C-alpha atoms as a PDB file:
ATOM      1  CA  MET A   1      14.454   8.711  -2.856  1.00  0.00           C
ATOM      2  CA  ALA A   2      10.694  10.215  -2.966  1.00  0.00           C
ATOM      3  CA  ASP A   3      11.498  12.443  -6.205  1.00  0.00           C
ATOM      4  CA  GLN A   4      11.789   9.221  -7.931  1.00  0.00           C
ATOM      5  CA  THR A   5       7.909   8.846  -8.079  1.00  0.00           C
ATOM      6  CA  ALA A   6       5.336  11.483  -7.495  1.00  0.00           C
ATOM      7  CA  ALA A   7       2.874  10.558  -4.644  1.00  0.00           C
ATOM      8  CA  THR A   8      -0.207  12.000  -6.245  1.00  0.00           C
ATOM      9  CA  HIS A   9      -3.829  10.892  -4.598  1.00  0.00           C
ATOM     10  CA  ASP A  10      -4.895   8.898  -7.381  1.00  0.00           C
ATOM     11  CA  LEU A  11      -1.469   6.908  -7.115  1.00  0.00           C
ATOM     12  CA  LEU A  12      -1.906   6.716  -3.027  1.00  0.00           C
ATOM     13  CA  ALA A  13      -5.465   5.426  -3.324  1.00  0.00           C
ATOM     14  CA  TYR A  14      -3.995   2.487  -6.227  1.00  0.00           C
ATOM     15  CA  VAL A  15      -1.383   1.798  -3.528  1.00  0.00           C
ATOM     16  CA  ARG A  16      -4.024   0.772  -0.666  1.00  0.00           C
ATOM     17  CA  GLU A  17      -6.530  -0.745  -2.817  1.00  0.00           C
ATOM     18  CA  ILE A  18      -3.426  -3.314  -4.274  1.00  0.00           C
ATOM     19  CA  SER A  19      -1.618  -3.499  -1.027  1.00  0.00           C
ATOM     20  CA  LEU A  20      -3.615  -2.917   2.101  1.00  0.00           C
ATOM     21  CA  ARG A  21      -5.585  -6.432   3.707  1.00  0.00           C
ATOM     22  CA  ASP A  22      -8.090  -4.812   6.037  1.00  0.00           C
ATOM     23  CA  ASP A  23     -10.903  -6.385   7.849  1.00  0.00           C
ATOM     24  CA  ASP A  24     -14.026  -5.198   9.785  1.00  0.00           C
ATOM     25  CA  LEU A  25     -12.574  -4.916  13.189  1.00  0.00           C
ATOM     26  CA  LEU A  26      -9.653  -2.778  12.293  1.00  0.00           C
ATOM     27  CA  THR A  27     -11.821  -0.709  10.435  1.00  0.00           C
ATOM     28  CA  GLU A  28     -13.971  -0.047  13.260  1.00  0.00           C
ATOM     29  CA  LEU A  29     -11.257   0.582  15.603  1.00  0.00           C
ATOM     30  CA  ARG A  30      -9.643   3.169  12.910  1.00  0.00           C
ATOM     31  CA  GLU A  31     -13.153   4.724  12.676  1.00  0.00           C
ATOM     32  CA  THR A  32     -13.819   4.891  16.527  1.00  0.00           C
ATOM     33  CA  THR A  33     -10.819   6.389  17.072  1.00  0.00           C
ATOM     34  CA  ALA A  34     -11.370   8.999  14.052  1.00  0.00           C
ATOM     35  CA  GLU A  35     -14.629   9.979  15.898  1.00  0.00           C
ATOM     36  CA  LEU A  36     -12.159  11.493  18.947  1.00  0.00           C
ATOM     37  CA  PRO A  37     -10.804  15.019  19.188  1.00  0.00           C
ATOM     38  CA  GLY A  38      -7.597  14.975  16.838  1.00  0.00           C
ATOM     39  CA  GLY A  39      -7.983  11.268  16.665  1.00  0.00           C
ATOM     40  CA  SER A  40      -7.505  11.129  12.576  1.00  0.00           C
ATOM     41  CA  ALA A  41      -4.027  12.886  12.927  1.00  0.00           C
ATOM     42  CA  LEU A  42      -3.269  11.176  15.965  1.00  0.00           C
ATOM     43  CA  GLN A  43      -4.017   7.489  14.876  1.00  0.00           C
ATOM     44  CA  VAL A  44      -1.473   5.138  12.917  1.00  0.00           C
ATOM     45  CA  MET A  45      -2.661   4.775   9.517  1.00  0.00           C
ATOM     46  CA  ALA A  46      -3.834   1.274   7.938  1.00  0.00           C
ATOM     47  CA  GLU A  47      -0.827   0.857   6.073  1.00  0.00           C
ATOM     48  CA  GLU A  48       1.508   1.332   8.959  1.00  0.00           C
ATOM     49  CA  GLY A  49      -0.480  -0.736  11.403  1.00  0.00           C
ATOM     50  CA  GLN A  50       0.236  -3.928   8.514  1.00  0.00           C
ATOM     51  CA  LEU A  51       3.817  -2.743   8.210  1.00  0.00           C
ATOM     52  CA  LEU A  52       4.387  -3.332  12.072  1.00  0.00           C
ATOM     53  CA  SER A  53       2.636  -6.456  11.934  1.00  0.00           C
ATOM     54  CA  LEU A  54       4.675  -7.650   8.651  1.00  0.00           C
ATOM     55  CA  LEU A  55       8.013  -6.619  11.329  1.00  0.00           C
ATOM     56  CA  VAL A  56       6.858  -8.702  13.772  1.00  0.00           C
ATOM     57  CA  GLY A  57       6.486 -11.474  11.803  1.00  0.00           C
ATOM     58  CA  LEU A  58       9.607 -10.954  10.025  1.00  0.00           C
ATOM     59  CA  THR A  59      11.783 -10.389  13.073  1.00  0.00           C
ATOM     60  CA  GLY A  60      10.323 -13.815  14.548  1.00  0.00           C
ATOM     61  CA  ALA A  61       9.839 -11.298  17.846  1.00  0.00           C
ATOM     62  CA  ARG A  62       7.958 -12.899  20.705  1.00  0.00           C
ATOM     63  CA  THR A  63       8.312  -9.938  22.933  1.00  0.00           C
ATOM     64  CA  VAL A  64       7.346  -6.564  22.039  1.00  0.00           C
ATOM     65  CA  LEU A  65       7.439  -3.039  23.513  1.00  0.00           C
ATOM     66  CA  GLU A  66       5.165  -0.364  22.478  1.00  0.00           C
ATOM     67  CA  ILE A  67       5.451   3.253  24.080  1.00  0.00           C
ATOM     68  CA  GLY A  68       2.477   5.119  23.149  1.00  0.00           C
ATOM     69  CA  THR A  69      -0.619   2.897  23.115  1.00  0.00           C
ATOM     70  CA  TYR A  70      -3.611   5.664  22.324  1.00  0.00           C
ATOM     71  CA  THR A  71      -6.568   3.803  21.260  1.00  0.00           C
ATOM     72  CA  GLY A  72      -4.857   0.435  20.722  1.00  0.00           C
ATOM     73  CA  TYR A  73      -4.700   0.045  17.167  1.00  0.00           C
ATOM     74  CA  SER A  74      -0.771  -0.575  16.672  1.00  0.00           C
ATOM     75  CA  THR A  75      -1.092  -2.558  19.732  1.00  0.00           C
ATOM     76  CA  LEU A  76      -3.492  -4.800  18.141  1.00  0.00           C
ATOM     77  CA  CYS A  77      -2.119  -5.467  14.439  1.00  0.00           C
ATOM     78  CA  MET A  78       1.496  -6.487  16.497  1.00  0.00           C
ATOM     79  CA  ALA A  79      -0.315  -8.480  19.008  1.00  0.00           C
ATOM     80  CA  ARG A  80      -2.071 -10.309  16.217  1.00  0.00           C
ATOM     81  CA  ALA A  81       1.193 -11.126  14.658  1.00  0.00           C
ATOM     82  CA  LEU A  82       3.102 -12.594  17.816  1.00  0.00           C
ATOM     83  CA  PRO A  83       3.174 -16.502  18.328  1.00  0.00           C
ATOM     84  CA  ALA A  84       1.353 -18.315  20.956  1.00  0.00           C
ATOM     85  CA  GLY A  85       3.232 -17.270  24.021  1.00  0.00           C
ATOM     86  CA  GLY A  86       4.227 -14.093  23.044  1.00  0.00           C
ATOM     87  CA  LEU A  87       3.836 -10.659  24.773  1.00  0.00           C
ATOM     88  CA  LEU A  88       3.157  -7.385  24.083  1.00  0.00           C
ATOM     89  CA  VAL A  89       4.159  -4.569  26.647  1.00  0.00           C
ATOM     90  CA  SER A  90       2.304  -1.168  25.921  1.00  0.00           C
ATOM     91  CA  CYS A  91       2.783   2.243  28.033  1.00  0.00           C
ATOM     92  CA  ASP A  92       0.590   4.948  28.078  1.00  0.00           C
ATOM     93  CA  ILE A  93       0.590   7.992  30.135  1.00  0.00           C
ATOM     94  CA  ASP A  94      -3.345   7.661  30.954  1.00  0.00           C
ATOM     95  CA  ASP A  95      -5.667   4.828  30.453  1.00  0.00           C
ATOM     96  CA  ARG A  96      -8.913   6.679  28.931  1.00  0.00           C
ATOM     97  CA  TRP A  97      -7.637   5.936  25.395  1.00  0.00           C
ATOM     98  CA  PRO A  98      -6.165   2.686  25.790  1.00  0.00           C
ATOM     99  CA  ALA A  99      -9.401   1.590  27.299  1.00  0.00           C
ATOM    100  CA  ILE A 100     -11.173   1.775  23.993  1.00  0.00           C
ATOM    101  CA  GLY A 101      -8.742  -0.457  22.226  1.00  0.00           C
ATOM    102  CA  ALA A 102      -9.071  -2.896  25.352  1.00  0.00           C
ATOM    103  CA  ASP A 103     -12.712  -3.709  23.825  1.00  0.00           C
ATOM    104  CA  PHE A 104     -10.931  -4.564  20.371  1.00  0.00           C
ATOM    105  CA  TRP A 105      -8.278  -6.514  21.932  1.00  0.00           C
ATOM    106  CA  LYS A 106     -10.918  -9.017  23.521  1.00  0.00           C
ATOM    107  CA  ARG A 107     -13.019  -9.070  20.572  1.00  0.00           C
ATOM    108  CA  ASP A 108     -10.121 -10.487  18.810  1.00  0.00           C
ATOM    109  CA  GLY A 109      -9.000 -12.693  21.227  1.00  0.00           C
ATOM    110  CA  VAL A 110      -5.019 -11.438  21.913  1.00  0.00           C
ATOM    111  CA  ASP A 111      -5.942  -9.320  25.204  1.00  0.00           C
ATOM    112  CA  SER A 112      -4.125 -12.367  26.530  1.00  0.00           C
ATOM    113  CA  ARG A 113      -0.791 -11.458  24.960  1.00  0.00           C
ATOM    114  CA  ILE A 114      -1.216  -7.794  26.337  1.00  0.00           C
ATOM    115  CA  ASP A 115       0.416  -5.974  29.235  1.00  0.00           C
ATOM    116  CA  LEU A 116      -0.747  -2.435  29.246  1.00  0.00           C
ATOM    117  CA  ARG A 117       1.510  -0.318  31.717  1.00  0.00           C
ATOM    118  CA  ILE A 118       0.214   3.262  32.492  1.00  0.00           C
ATOM    119  CA  GLY A 119       2.042   5.843  33.684  1.00  0.00           C
ATOM    120  CA  ASP A 120       4.736   8.004  33.221  1.00  0.00           C
ATOM    121  CA  ALA A 121       6.847   5.880  29.954  1.00  0.00           C
ATOM    122  CA  ALA A 122      10.467   7.029  31.271  1.00  0.00           C
ATOM    123  CA  ALA A 123       9.690   5.452  34.665  1.00  0.00           C
ATOM    124  CA  THR A 124       7.867   2.433  33.120  1.00  0.00           C
ATOM    125  CA  LEU A 125      10.911   1.734  31.066  1.00  0.00           C
ATOM    126  CA  ASP A 126      13.034   1.760  34.085  1.00  0.00           C
ATOM    127  CA  THR A 127      10.759  -0.656  35.651  1.00  0.00           C
ATOM    128  CA  LEU A 128      10.835  -2.676  33.077  1.00  0.00           C
ATOM    129  CA  LEU A 129      14.331  -3.079  32.853  1.00  0.00           C
ATOM    130  CA  ALA A 130      14.610  -3.944  36.367  1.00  0.00           C
ATOM    131  CA  GLU A 131      12.105  -6.609  36.172  1.00  0.00           C
ATOM    132  CA  ARG A 132      13.127  -8.273  32.974  1.00  0.00           C
ATOM    133  CA  GLY A 133      16.852  -7.081  32.772  1.00  0.00           C
ATOM    134  CA  PRO A 134      18.428  -5.819  29.154  1.00  0.00           C
ATOM    135  CA  GLU A 135      17.998  -6.953  26.053  1.00  0.00           C
ATOM    136  CA  SER A 136      14.805  -8.767  26.714  1.00  0.00           C
ATOM    137  CA  PHE A 137      12.674  -7.360  23.932  1.00  0.00           C
ATOM    138  CA  ASP A 138      12.824  -8.359  20.373  1.00  0.00           C
ATOM    139  CA  LEU A 139      11.064  -5.397  18.814  1.00  0.00           C
ATOM    140  CA  VAL A 140      10.306  -1.401  20.240  1.00  0.00           C
ATOM    141  CA  PHE A 141       8.198   0.784  18.571  1.00  0.00           C
ATOM    142  CA  ILE A 142       7.935   4.414  19.720  1.00  0.00           C
ATOM    143  CA  ASP A 143       4.977   6.757  18.962  1.00  0.00           C
ATOM    144  CA  ALA A 144       4.613   8.694  22.343  1.00  0.00           C
ATOM    145  CA  ASP A 145       5.398  12.331  23.175  1.00  0.00           C
ATOM    146  CA  LYS A 146       7.936  13.913  20.791  1.00  0.00           C
ATOM    147  CA  ALA A 147      10.118  15.949  23.308  1.00  0.00           C
ATOM    148  CA  ASN A 148      11.060  12.515  25.034  1.00  0.00           C
ATOM    149  CA  TYR A 149      12.259  10.731  21.853  1.00  0.00           C
ATOM    150  CA  PRO A 150      15.605  10.949  22.750  1.00  0.00           C
ATOM    151  CA  ARG A 151      15.064   9.497  26.331  1.00  0.00           C
ATOM    152  CA  TYR A 152      12.834   6.624  25.171  1.00  0.00           C
ATOM    153  CA  TYR A 153      15.539   5.560  22.266  1.00  0.00           C
ATOM    154  CA  GLU A 154      17.909   4.992  24.946  1.00  0.00           C
ATOM    155  CA  SER A 155      15.850   3.204  27.367  1.00  0.00           C
ATOM    156  CA  SER A 156      14.522   1.087  24.242  1.00  0.00           C
ATOM    157  CA  LEU A 157      18.399   0.345  23.217  1.00  0.00           C
ATOM    158  CA  ALA A 158      19.063  -0.796  26.583  1.00  0.00           C
ATOM    159  CA  LEU A 159      15.855  -3.232  26.654  1.00  0.00           C
ATOM    160  CA  LEU A 160      16.461  -4.535  23.318  1.00  0.00           C
ATOM    161  CA  ARG A 161      18.392  -7.519  22.226  1.00  0.00           C
ATOM    162  CA  ALA A 162      21.287  -7.645  19.755  1.00  0.00           C
ATOM    163  CA  GLY A 163      19.970  -7.650  16.239  1.00  0.00           C
ATOM    164  CA  GLY A 164      16.359  -6.319  17.392  1.00  0.00           C
ATOM    165  CA  LEU A 165      14.217  -3.750  15.800  1.00  0.00           C
ATOM    166  CA  ILE A 166      13.178  -0.409  16.892  1.00  0.00           C
ATOM    167  CA  VAL A 167      10.354   1.117  14.834  1.00  0.00           C
ATOM    168  CA  VAL A 168      10.187   4.695  15.338  1.00  0.00           C
ATOM    169  CA  ASP A 169       7.280   6.695  14.165  1.00  0.00           C
ATOM    170  CA  ASN A 170       6.480  10.172  13.305  1.00  0.00           C
ATOM    171  CA  THR A 171      10.348  10.942  12.301  1.00  0.00           C
ATOM    172  CA  LEU A 172       9.277  13.625   9.924  1.00  0.00           C
ATOM    173  CA  PHE A 173       6.690  15.017  11.784  1.00  0.00           C
ATOM    174  CA  PHE A 174       4.475  16.919   9.559  1.00  0.00           C
ATOM    175  CA  GLY A 175       7.584  18.335   7.936  1.00  0.00           C
ATOM    176  CA  ARG A 176       8.864  20.383  10.669  1.00  0.00           C
ATOM    177  CA  VAL A 177      11.531  18.777  11.186  1.00  0.00           C
ATOM    178  CA  ALA A 178      13.201  20.536   8.016  1.00  0.00           C
ATOM    179  CA  ASP A 179      11.920  23.748   8.919  1.00  0.00           C
ATOM    180  CA  PRO A 180      14.340  25.924  11.184  1.00  0.00           C
ATOM    181  CA  ALA A 181      11.698  28.357  12.513  1.00  0.00           C
ATOM    182  CA  ALA A 182       9.931  25.188  13.795  1.00  0.00           C
ATOM    183  CA  VAL A 183      11.914  25.042  17.814  1.00  0.00           C
ATOM    184  CA  ASP A 184       8.688  23.467  19.780  1.00  0.00           C
ATOM    185  CA  PRO A 185       9.958  21.045  21.904  1.00  0.00           C
ATOM    186  CA  GLU A 186       7.962  18.454  20.186  1.00  0.00           C
ATOM    187  CA  THR A 187      10.158  18.933  16.558  1.00  0.00           C
ATOM    188  CA  ALA A 188      13.182  19.505  18.557  1.00  0.00           C
ATOM    189  CA  GLY A 189      12.931  15.882  20.102  1.00  0.00           C
ATOM    190  CA  VAL A 190      12.392  14.353  16.615  1.00  0.00           C
ATOM    191  CA  ARG A 191      15.039  16.329  15.341  1.00  0.00           C
ATOM    192  CA  ALA A 192      17.483  15.709  17.934  1.00  0.00           C
ATOM    193  CA  LEU A 193      16.576  11.648  18.045  1.00  0.00           C
ATOM    194  CA  ASN A 194      17.302  11.699  14.034  1.00  0.00           C
ATOM    195  CA  ARG A 195      20.458  13.109  14.471  1.00  0.00           C
ATOM    196  CA  VAL A 196      21.548  10.743  17.298  1.00  0.00           C
ATOM    197  CA  LEU A 197      20.557   7.930  15.194  1.00  0.00           C
ATOM    198  CA  HIS A 198      22.426   9.019  12.036  1.00  0.00           C
ATOM    199  CA  GLU A 199      25.457   8.976  14.392  1.00  0.00           C
ATOM    200  CA  ASP A 200      25.197   6.224  16.379  1.00  0.00           C
ATOM    201  CA  PRO A 201      27.748   3.242  15.521  1.00  0.00           C
ATOM    202  CA  ARG A 202      25.595   0.883  17.783  1.00  0.00           C
ATOM    203  CA  VAL A 203      22.687   0.471  14.810  1.00  0.00           C
ATOM    204  CA  GLU A 204      21.716   0.285  11.455  1.00  0.00           C
ATOM    205  CA  LEU A 205      18.873   2.617  10.054  1.00  0.00           C
ATOM    206  CA  SER A 206      16.749   3.583   7.384  1.00  0.00           C
ATOM    207  CA  LEU A 207      14.183   6.293   7.344  1.00  0.00           C
ATOM    208  CA  LEU A 208      11.178   5.456   5.228  1.00  0.00           C
ATOM    209  CA  VAL A 209       9.084   8.487   3.833  1.00  0.00           C
ATOM    210  CA  MET A 210       6.029   7.054   4.579  1.00  0.00           C
ATOM    211  CA  ALA A 211       2.793   8.287   6.531  1.00  0.00           C
ATOM    212  CA  ASP A 212       4.991  10.782   8.828  1.00  0.00           C
ATOM    213  CA  GLY A 213       8.188   9.240   8.694  1.00  0.00           C
ATOM    214  CA  ILE A 214       8.752   5.778   9.643  1.00  0.00           C
ATOM    215  CA  THR A 215      12.468   5.247  11.032  1.00  0.00           C
ATOM    216  CA  LEU A 216      13.415   1.572  11.083  1.00  0.00           C
ATOM    217  CA  VAL A 217      16.438   1.028  13.511  1.00  0.00           C
ATOM    218  CA  ARG A 218      18.621  -2.394  13.747  1.00  0.00           C
ATOM    219  CA  LYS A 219      20.582  -2.896  17.085  1.00  0.00           C
ATOM    220  CA  ARG A 220      24.222  -4.239  15.787  1.00  0.00           C
END
């Protein structure tokens, strides 16, 4: 578990030095995002983007669903990993921040693989179920408003094929999930999903103590 190794600043710097494979375009998008209000806290860290890319490849995913685009860093990482003809549907409530990522997607040549849906995510998921039918995605990444995490999970599970993977971000939520005094809707949503996942016989799971908590959920 996490207490086997102390995650010191020097050790984390070493991990980044010997494991992160970065490039100028990804670095530029991260730096652009960091300049936005709250950008550093909201964006996916570089190591997580690399993990998402790896998971797309490992699962052989051809169809990916992303709930929460922000500036499209994770979108870019996953779209790069898709095979020719692959599709990534990314959902966000507003087009303001995804518009930043769209320029980077185009510069990288992966924009044709990305279908950006703007609007309420729960409604978008219902639309996708009607359009594509159940079990139509190979991998789902959930990283949107935390209060609705349980609802997004149920819709995602219906859209995910058997054997497919759901990746849920922020499942430790800055440590607030372990603080009984934290009862705000966002913390409560993450805490509720964590409990649902732990007790759900439909899936296998592992919560990685990485970044702000990343839970991997495999549909049986």
